[in-house]
Amino acid sequence: MAIGIVNARWTTRVMVAVAAVYLMATISEVVDTTTLVGIVPVDMRDRYLHPLFAVVAAACAVIDRVRRHVAAPSVR
């Protein structure tokens, strides 16, 4: 995420990647409720935080795309 903050051209890509990782973590937790990808133990907080992080990262990506679209000069 630091790359997305430092380089504005990469913000949307980084946020989409973060959202994808946390979405995969959320799906993994649904399949196996005790471990993440069979390795990392999962507790109740993770079941709330991983979907929240996925949604927030996706929302940041959408907001960045809209902000860029509005800020871009229209060509007529």
PDB file of N, CA and C in Angstrom:
ATOM      1  N   MET A   1       0.817  -1.185   0.000  1.00  0.00           N
ATOM      2  CA  MET A   1       0.000   0.000   0.000  1.00  0.00           C
ATOM      3  C   MET A   1       0.862   1.250   0.000  1.00  0.00           C
ATOM      4  N   ALA A   2       2.076   1.141   0.490  1.00  0.00           N
ATOM      5  CA  ALA A   2       2.965   2.300   0.485  1.00  0.00           C
ATOM      6  C   ALA A   2       3.256   2.741  -0.946  1.00  0.00           C
ATOM      7  N   ILE A   3       3.352   1.796  -1.877  1.00  0.00           N
ATOM      8  CA  ILE A   3       3.577   2.146  -3.283  1.00  0.00           C
ATOM      9  C   ILE A   3       2.408   2.961  -3.817  1.00  0.00           C
ATOM     10  N   GLY A   4       1.204   2.583  -3.444  1.00  0.00           N
ATOM     11  CA  GLY A   4       0.021   3.309  -3.895  1.00  0.00           C
ATOM     12  C   GLY A   4      -0.063   4.717  -3.334  1.00  0.00           C
ATOM     13  N   ILE A   5       0.499   4.906  -2.155  1.00  0.00           N
ATOM     14  CA  ILE A   5       0.497   6.240  -1.558  1.00  0.00           C
ATOM     15  C   ILE A   5       1.559   7.115  -2.206  1.00  0.00           C
ATOM     16  N   VAL A   6       2.738   6.542  -2.435  1.00  0.00           N
ATOM     17  CA  VAL A   6       3.856   7.312  -2.981  1.00  0.00           C
ATOM     18  C   VAL A   6       3.642   7.633  -4.453  1.00  0.00           C
ATOM     19  N   ASN A   7       3.168   6.660  -5.215  1.00  0.00           N
ATOM     20  CA  ASN A   7       3.000   6.839  -6.652  1.00  0.00           C
ATOM     21  C   ASN A   7       1.509   6.839  -6.984  1.00  0.00           C
ATOM     22  N   ALA A   8       0.962   8.007  -7.265  1.00  0.00           N
ATOM     23  CA  ALA A   8      -0.475   8.150  -7.499  1.00  0.00           C
ATOM     24  C   ALA A   8      -0.952   7.365  -8.720  1.00  0.00           C
ATOM     25  N   ARG A   9      -0.069   7.090  -9.656  1.00  0.00           N
ATOM     26  CA  ARG A   9      -0.468   6.327 -10.848  1.00  0.00           C
ATOM     27  C   ARG A   9      -0.768   4.870 -10.502  1.00  0.00           C
ATOM     28  N   TRP A  10      -0.256   4.399  -9.369  1.00  0.00           N
ATOM     29  CA  TRP A  10      -0.424   3.002  -8.972  1.00  0.00           C
ATOM     30  C   TRP A  10      -1.510   2.799  -7.919  1.00  0.00           C
ATOM     31  N   THR A  11      -2.137   3.860  -7.461  1.00  0.00           N
ATOM     32  CA  THR A  11      -3.089   3.759  -6.359  1.00  0.00           C
ATOM     33  C   THR A  11      -4.202   2.764  -6.646  1.00  0.00           C
ATOM     34  N   THR A  12      -4.850   2.872  -7.780  1.00  0.00           N
ATOM     35  CA  THR A  12      -5.961   1.977  -8.092  1.00  0.00           C
ATOM     36  C   THR A  12      -5.478   0.535  -8.169  1.00  0.00           C
ATOM     37  N   ARG A  13      -4.364   0.302  -8.818  1.00  0.00           N
ATOM     38  CA  ARG A  13      -3.850  -1.071  -8.953  1.00  0.00           C
ATOM     39  C   ARG A  13      -3.524  -1.681  -7.598  1.00  0.00           C
ATOM     40  N   VAL A  14      -2.911  -0.891  -6.740  1.00  0.00           N
ATOM     41  CA  VAL A  14      -2.545  -1.397  -5.421  1.00  0.00           C
ATOM     42  C   VAL A  14      -3.794  -1.694  -4.599  1.00  0.00           C
ATOM     43  N   MET A  15      -4.778  -0.828  -4.643  1.00  0.00           N
ATOM     44  CA  MET A  15      -6.004  -1.047  -3.880  1.00  0.00           C
ATOM     45  C   MET A  15      -6.767  -2.271  -4.385  1.00  0.00           C
ATOM     46  N   VAL A  16      -6.767  -2.489  -5.691  1.00  0.00           N
ATOM     47  CA  VAL A  16      -7.406  -3.685  -6.249  1.00  0.00           C
ATOM     48  C   VAL A  16      -6.663  -4.936  -5.771  1.00  0.00           C
ATOM     49  N   ALA A  17      -5.346  -4.880  -5.742  1.00  0.00           N
ATOM     50  CA  ALA A  17      -4.562  -6.026  -5.268  1.00  0.00           C
ATOM     51  C   ALA A  17      -4.846  -6.307  -3.792  1.00  0.00           C
ATOM     52  N   VAL A  18      -4.898  -5.268  -2.979  1.00  0.00           N
ATOM     53  CA  VAL A  18      -5.190  -5.437  -1.552  1.00  0.00           C
ATOM     54  C   VAL A  18      -6.592  -6.012  -1.379  1.00  0.00           C
ATOM     55  N   ALA A  19      -7.548  -5.488  -2.121  1.00  0.00           N
ATOM     56  CA  ALA A  19      -8.923  -6.004  -2.038  1.00  0.00           C
ATOM     57  C   ALA A  19      -8.968  -7.476  -2.443  1.00  0.00           C
ATOM     58  N   ALA A  20      -8.232  -7.852  -3.469  1.00  0.00           N
ATOM     59  CA  ALA A  20      -8.222  -9.246  -3.923  1.00  0.00           C
ATOM     60  C   ALA A  20      -7.624 -10.168  -2.865  1.00  0.00           C
ATOM     61  N   VAL A  21      -6.544  -9.739  -2.233  1.00  0.00           N
ATOM     62  CA  VAL A  21      -5.907 -10.563  -1.201  1.00  0.00           C
ATOM     63  C   VAL A  21      -6.862 -10.773  -0.028  1.00  0.00           C
ATOM     64  N   TYR A  22      -7.493  -9.708   0.428  1.00  0.00           N
ATOM     65  CA  TYR A  22      -8.403  -9.845   1.560  1.00  0.00           C
ATOM     66  C   TYR A  22      -9.685 -10.576   1.174  1.00  0.00           C
ATOM     67  N   LEU A  23     -10.117 -10.471  -0.071  1.00  0.00           N
ATOM     68  CA  LEU A  23     -11.266 -11.248  -0.521  1.00  0.00           C
ATOM     69  C   LEU A  23     -10.916 -12.742  -0.523  1.00  0.00           C
ATOM     70  N   MET A  24      -9.721 -13.080  -0.989  1.00  0.00           N
ATOM     71  CA  MET A  24      -9.294 -14.481  -0.952  1.00  0.00           C
ATOM     72  C   MET A  24      -9.176 -14.976   0.493  1.00  0.00           C
ATOM     73  N   ALA A  25      -8.699 -14.120   1.392  1.00  0.00           N
ATOM     74  CA  ALA A  25      -8.624 -14.496   2.807  1.00  0.00           C
ATOM     75  C   ALA A  25     -10.018 -14.742   3.370  1.00  0.00           C
ATOM     76  N   THR A  26     -10.965 -13.904   2.996  1.00  0.00           N
ATOM     77  CA  THR A  26     -12.341 -14.070   3.456  1.00  0.00           C
ATOM     78  C   THR A  26     -12.931 -15.382   2.955  1.00  0.00           C
ATOM     79  N   ILE A  27     -12.714 -15.689   1.692  1.00  0.00           N
ATOM     80  CA  ILE A  27     -13.227 -16.936   1.125  1.00  0.00           C
ATOM     81  C   ILE A  27     -12.558 -18.132   1.800  1.00  0.00           C
ATOM     82  N   SER A  28     -11.263 -18.044   2.046  1.00  0.00           N
ATOM     83  CA  SER A  28     -10.550 -19.128   2.717  1.00  0.00           C
ATOM     84  C   SER A  28     -11.105 -19.357   4.118  1.00  0.00           C
ATOM     85  N   GLU A  29     -11.451 -18.283   4.810  1.00  0.00           N
ATOM     86  CA  GLU A  29     -12.007 -18.408   6.153  1.00  0.00           C
ATOM     87  C   GLU A  29     -13.397 -19.034   6.135  1.00  0.00           C
ATOM     88  N   VAL A  30     -14.148 -18.816   5.066  1.00  0.00           N
ATOM     89  CA  VAL A  30     -15.472 -19.428   4.957  1.00  0.00           C
ATOM     90  C   VAL A  30     -15.330 -20.934   4.775  1.00  0.00           C
ATOM     91  N   VAL A  31     -14.351 -21.344   3.977  1.00  0.00           N
ATOM     92  CA  VAL A  31     -14.132 -22.763   3.697  1.00  0.00           C
ATOM     93  C   VAL A  31     -13.581 -23.474   4.931  1.00  0.00           C
ATOM     94  N   ASP A  32     -12.540 -22.916   5.538  1.00  0.00           N
ATOM     95  CA  ASP A  32     -11.922 -23.498   6.732  1.00  0.00           C
ATOM     96  C   ASP A  32     -11.938 -22.440   7.817  1.00  0.00           C
ATOM     97  N   THR A  33     -12.800 -22.610   8.811  1.00  0.00           N
ATOM     98  CA  THR A  33     -13.023 -21.551   9.799  1.00  0.00           C
ATOM     99  C   THR A  33     -11.935 -21.457  10.862  1.00  0.00           C
ATOM    100  N   THR A  34     -10.980 -22.386  10.873  1.00  0.00           N
ATOM    101  CA  THR A  34      -9.966 -22.349  11.921  1.00  0.00           C
ATOM    102  C   THR A  34      -8.620 -21.826  11.451  1.00  0.00           C
ATOM    103  N   THR A  35      -8.312 -21.969  10.145  1.00  0.00           N
ATOM    104  CA  THR A  35      -7.014 -21.493   9.643  1.00  0.00           C
ATOM    105  C   THR A  35      -7.191 -20.787   8.311  1.00  0.00           C
ATOM    106  N   LEU A  36      -6.251 -19.921   8.020  1.00  0.00           N
ATOM    107  CA  LEU A  36      -6.219 -19.197   6.758  1.00  0.00           C
ATOM    108  C   LEU A  36      -5.245 -19.908   5.838  1.00  0.00           C
ATOM    109  N   VAL A  37      -5.728 -20.420   4.737  1.00  0.00           N
ATOM    110  CA  VAL A  37      -4.962 -21.179   3.757  1.00  0.00           C
ATOM    111  C   VAL A  37      -4.265 -22.372   4.431  1.00  0.00           C
ATOM    112  N   GLY A  38      -4.892 -22.904   5.462  1.00  0.00           N
ATOM    113  CA  GLY A  38      -4.359 -24.072   6.136  1.00  0.00           C
ATOM    114  C   GLY A  38      -3.125 -23.831   6.971  1.00  0.00           C
ATOM    115  N   ILE A  39      -2.710 -22.569   7.133  1.00  0.00           N
ATOM    116  CA  ILE A  39      -1.451 -22.281   7.831  1.00  0.00           C
ATOM    117  C   ILE A  39      -1.650 -21.336   9.018  1.00  0.00           C
ATOM    118  N   VAL A  40      -2.278 -20.194   8.784  1.00  0.00           N
ATOM    119  CA  VAL A  40      -2.376 -19.130   9.777  1.00  0.00           C
ATOM    120  C   VAL A  40      -3.672 -19.291  10.585  1.00  0.00           C
ATOM    121  N   PRO A  41      -3.570 -19.354  11.916  1.00  0.00           N
ATOM    122  CA  PRO A  41      -4.786 -19.456  12.731  1.00  0.00           C
ATOM    123  C   PRO A  41      -5.674 -18.226  12.565  1.00  0.00           C
ATOM    124  N   VAL A  42      -6.982 -18.461  12.577  1.00  0.00           N
ATOM    125  CA  VAL A  42      -7.960 -17.387  12.404  1.00  0.00           C
ATOM    126  C   VAL A  42      -8.811 -17.302  13.664  1.00  0.00           C
ATOM    127  N   ASP A  43      -9.029 -16.085  14.139  1.00  0.00           N
ATOM    128  CA  ASP A  43      -9.948 -15.920  15.260  1.00  0.00           C
ATOM    129  C   ASP A  43     -11.151 -15.077  14.819  1.00  0.00           C
ATOM    130  N   MET A  44     -12.020 -14.796  15.736  1.00  0.00           N
ATOM    131  CA  MET A  44     -13.282 -14.120  15.410  1.00  0.00           C
ATOM    132  C   MET A  44     -13.049 -12.722  14.829  1.00  0.00           C
ATOM    133  N   ARG A  45     -12.033 -12.017  15.279  1.00  0.00           N
ATOM    134  CA  ARG A  45     -11.773 -10.668  14.761  1.00  0.00           C
ATOM    135  C   ARG A  45     -11.456 -10.696  13.271  1.00  0.00           C
ATOM    136  N   ASP A  46     -10.711 -11.713  12.840  1.00  0.00           N
ATOM    137  CA  ASP A  46     -10.337 -11.821  11.434  1.00  0.00           C
ATOM    138  C   ASP A  46     -11.559 -11.997  10.543  1.00  0.00           C
ATOM    139  N   ARG A  47     -12.564 -12.663  11.053  1.00  0.00           N
ATOM    140  CA  ARG A  47     -13.774 -12.893  10.251  1.00  0.00           C
ATOM    141  C   ARG A  47     -14.522 -11.599   9.974  1.00  0.00           C
ATOM    142  N   TYR A  48     -14.283 -10.588  10.786  1.00  0.00           N
ATOM    143  CA  TYR A  48     -14.889  -9.273  10.553  1.00  0.00           C
ATOM    144  C   TYR A  48     -13.930  -8.337   9.813  1.00  0.00           C
ATOM    145  N   LEU A  49     -12.656  -8.402  10.160  1.00  0.00           N
ATOM    146  CA  LEU A  49     -11.697  -7.455   9.602  1.00  0.00           C
ATOM    147  C   LEU A  49     -11.340  -7.745   8.150  1.00  0.00           C
ATOM    148  N   HIS A  50     -11.165  -8.995   7.774  1.00  0.00           N
ATOM    149  CA  HIS A  50     -10.781  -9.301   6.390  1.00  0.00           C
ATOM    150  C   HIS A  50     -11.830  -8.855   5.374  1.00  0.00           C
ATOM    151  N   PRO A  51     -13.124  -9.154   5.586  1.00  0.00           N
ATOM    152  CA  PRO A  51     -14.110  -8.612   4.629  1.00  0.00           C
ATOM    153  C   PRO A  51     -14.169  -7.088   4.664  1.00  0.00           C
ATOM    154  N   LEU A  52     -13.999  -6.500   5.846  1.00  0.00           N
ATOM    155  CA  LEU A  52     -14.008  -5.040   5.961  1.00  0.00           C
ATOM    156  C   LEU A  52     -12.856  -4.434   5.164  1.00  0.00           C
ATOM    157  N   PHE A  53     -11.648  -4.995   5.301  1.00  0.00           N
ATOM    158  CA  PHE A  53     -10.498  -4.496   4.547  1.00  0.00           C
ATOM    159  C   PHE A  53     -10.718  -4.647   3.048  1.00  0.00           C
ATOM    160  N   ALA A  54     -11.315  -5.757   2.631  1.00  0.00           N
ATOM    161  CA  ALA A  54     -11.578  -5.970   1.203  1.00  0.00           C
ATOM    162  C   ALA A  54     -12.530  -4.913   0.666  1.00  0.00           C
ATOM    163  N   VAL A  55     -13.587  -4.628   1.411  1.00  0.00           N
ATOM    164  CA  VAL A  55     -14.573  -3.633   0.964  1.00  0.00           C
ATOM    165  C   VAL A  55     -13.972  -2.230   0.961  1.00  0.00           C
ATOM    166  N   VAL A  56     -13.219  -1.891   1.997  1.00  0.00           N
ATOM    167  CA  VAL A  56     -12.612  -0.553   2.070  1.00  0.00           C
ATOM    168  C   VAL A  56     -11.594  -0.354   0.949  1.00  0.00           C
ATOM    169  N   ALA A  57     -10.773  -1.358   0.679  1.00  0.00           N
ATOM    170  CA  ALA A  57      -9.790  -1.245  -0.403  1.00  0.00           C
ATOM    171  C   ALA A  57     -10.477  -1.112  -1.753  1.00  0.00           C
ATOM    172  N   ALA A  58     -11.546  -1.888  -1.975  1.00  0.00           N
ATOM    173  CA  ALA A  58     -12.292  -1.774  -3.236  1.00  0.00           C
ATOM    174  C   ALA A  58     -12.936  -0.393  -3.354  1.00  0.00           C
ATOM    175  N   ALA A  59     -13.471   0.116  -2.261  1.00  0.00           N
ATOM    176  CA  ALA A  59     -14.070   1.448  -2.283  1.00  0.00           C
ATOM    177  C   ALA A  59     -13.022   2.519  -2.575  1.00  0.00           C
ATOM    178  N   CYS A  60     -11.826   2.374  -2.011  1.00  0.00           N
ATOM    179  CA  CYS A  60     -10.747   3.327  -2.291  1.00  0.00           C
ATOM    180  C   CYS A  60     -10.353   3.292  -3.765  1.00  0.00           C
ATOM    181  N   ALA A  61     -10.335   2.109  -4.347  1.00  0.00           N
ATOM    182  CA  ALA A  61     -10.014   1.994  -5.776  1.00  0.00           C
ATOM    183  C   ALA A  61     -11.073   2.683  -6.621  1.00  0.00           C
ATOM    184  N   VAL A  62     -12.341   2.488  -6.281  1.00  0.00           N
ATOM    185  CA  VAL A  62     -13.433   3.131  -7.035  1.00  0.00           C
ATOM    186  C   VAL A  62     -13.371   4.644  -6.865  1.00  0.00           C
ATOM    187  N   ILE A  63     -13.148   5.105  -5.653  1.00  0.00           N
ATOM    188  CA  ILE A  63     -13.063   6.550  -5.396  1.00  0.00           C
ATOM    189  C   ILE A  63     -11.902   7.159  -6.178  1.00  0.00           C
ATOM    190  N   ASP A  64     -10.765   6.468  -6.215  1.00  0.00           N
ATOM    191  CA  ASP A  64      -9.615   6.978  -6.964  1.00  0.00           C
ATOM    192  C   ASP A  64      -9.936   7.066  -8.444  1.00  0.00           C
ATOM    193  N   ARG A  65     -10.601   6.049  -8.994  1.00  0.00           N
ATOM    194  CA  ARG A  65     -10.959   6.070 -10.426  1.00  0.00           C
ATOM    195  C   ARG A  65     -11.929   7.222 -10.722  1.00  0.00           C
ATOM    196  N   VAL A  66     -12.905   7.415  -9.861  1.00  0.00           N
ATOM    197  CA  VAL A  66     -13.869   8.505 -10.068  1.00  0.00           C
ATOM    198  C   VAL A  66     -13.170   9.851  -9.953  1.00  0.00           C
ATOM    199  N   ARG A  67     -12.298   9.986  -8.966  1.00  0.00           N
ATOM    200  CA  ARG A  67     -11.557  11.248  -8.780  1.00  0.00           C
ATOM    201  C   ARG A  67     -10.711  11.557 -10.004  1.00  0.00           C
ATOM    202  N   ARG A  68     -10.054  10.553 -10.560  1.00  0.00           N
ATOM    203  CA  ARG A  68      -9.238  10.762 -11.757  1.00  0.00           C
ATOM    204  C   ARG A  68     -10.106  11.129 -12.958  1.00  0.00           C
ATOM    205  N   HIS A  69     -11.268  10.512 -13.069  1.00  0.00           N
ATOM    206  CA  HIS A  69     -12.168  10.786 -14.187  1.00  0.00           C
ATOM    207  C   HIS A  69     -12.702  12.220 -14.109  1.00  0.00           C
ATOM    208  N   VAL A  70     -13.049  12.655 -12.918  1.00  0.00           N
ATOM    209  CA  VAL A  70     -13.567  14.013 -12.736  1.00  0.00           C
ATOM    210  C   VAL A  70     -12.460  15.040 -12.937  1.00  0.00           C
ATOM    211  N   ALA A  71     -11.254  14.733 -12.485  1.00  0.00           N
ATOM    212  CA  ALA A  71     -10.136  15.689 -12.580  1.00  0.00           C
ATOM    213  C   ALA A  71      -9.578  15.777 -13.995  1.00  0.00           C
ATOM    214  N   ALA A  72      -9.783  14.731 -14.817  1.00  0.00           N
ATOM    215  CA  ALA A  72      -9.230  14.740 -16.170  1.00  0.00           C
ATOM    216  C   ALA A  72      -9.997  15.728 -17.041  1.00  0.00           C
ATOM    217  N   PRO A  73      -9.280  16.523 -17.813  1.00  0.00           N
ATOM    218  CA  PRO A  73      -9.966  17.456 -18.714  1.00  0.00           C
ATOM    219  C   PRO A  73     -10.687  16.685 -19.828  1.00  0.00           C
ATOM    220  N   SER A  74     -11.895  17.116 -20.120  1.00  0.00           N
ATOM    221  CA  SER A  74     -12.644  16.438 -21.188  1.00  0.00           C
ATOM    222  C   SER A  74     -12.175  16.929 -22.556  1.00  0.00           C
ATOM    223  N   VAL A  75     -12.104  15.999 -23.475  1.00  0.00           N
ATOM    224  CA  VAL A  75     -11.655  16.287 -24.827  1.00  0.00           C
ATOM    225  C   VAL A  75     -12.895  16.374 -25.708  1.00  0.00           C
ATOM    226  N   ARG A  76     -13.069  17.506 -26.363  1.00  0.00           N
ATOM    227  CA  ARG A  76     -14.261  17.693 -27.241  1.00  0.00           C
ATOM    228  C   ARG A  76     -13.834  18.152 -28.570  1.00  0.00           C
TER     229      ARG A  76
END
